[in-house]
Amino acid sequence: MPRFLITTKARTQFNGIRIEPGMSVEVVTTSFANPLLVNGGQPVVDAFLRIYGIDIKKAGVLSPVYLVAQRIE
């Protein structure tokens, strides 16, 4: 199963949620595709909620514009 490291690019604040650059989570998926684009990015949303307690979907930053997805071995 592929693992991805999802990292925030820049400091942003939307809907009262502050995102700092360098915040990162690991996501394990069943697909080799970018987890930001598969299944509405739900595994990424769940990981940020579990690790940091923030809802990146509500913050409006669930996008390759704000997040970098790197496949790790």
Foldseek 3Di string as FASTA:
>chain_A
DWKKKKFFCAWDFAPNDTDHGGDIFIFDDPDPDFCLPPPVNVSVQVRCCVPPVDRVVNRVQSDPVTMDIDIDD
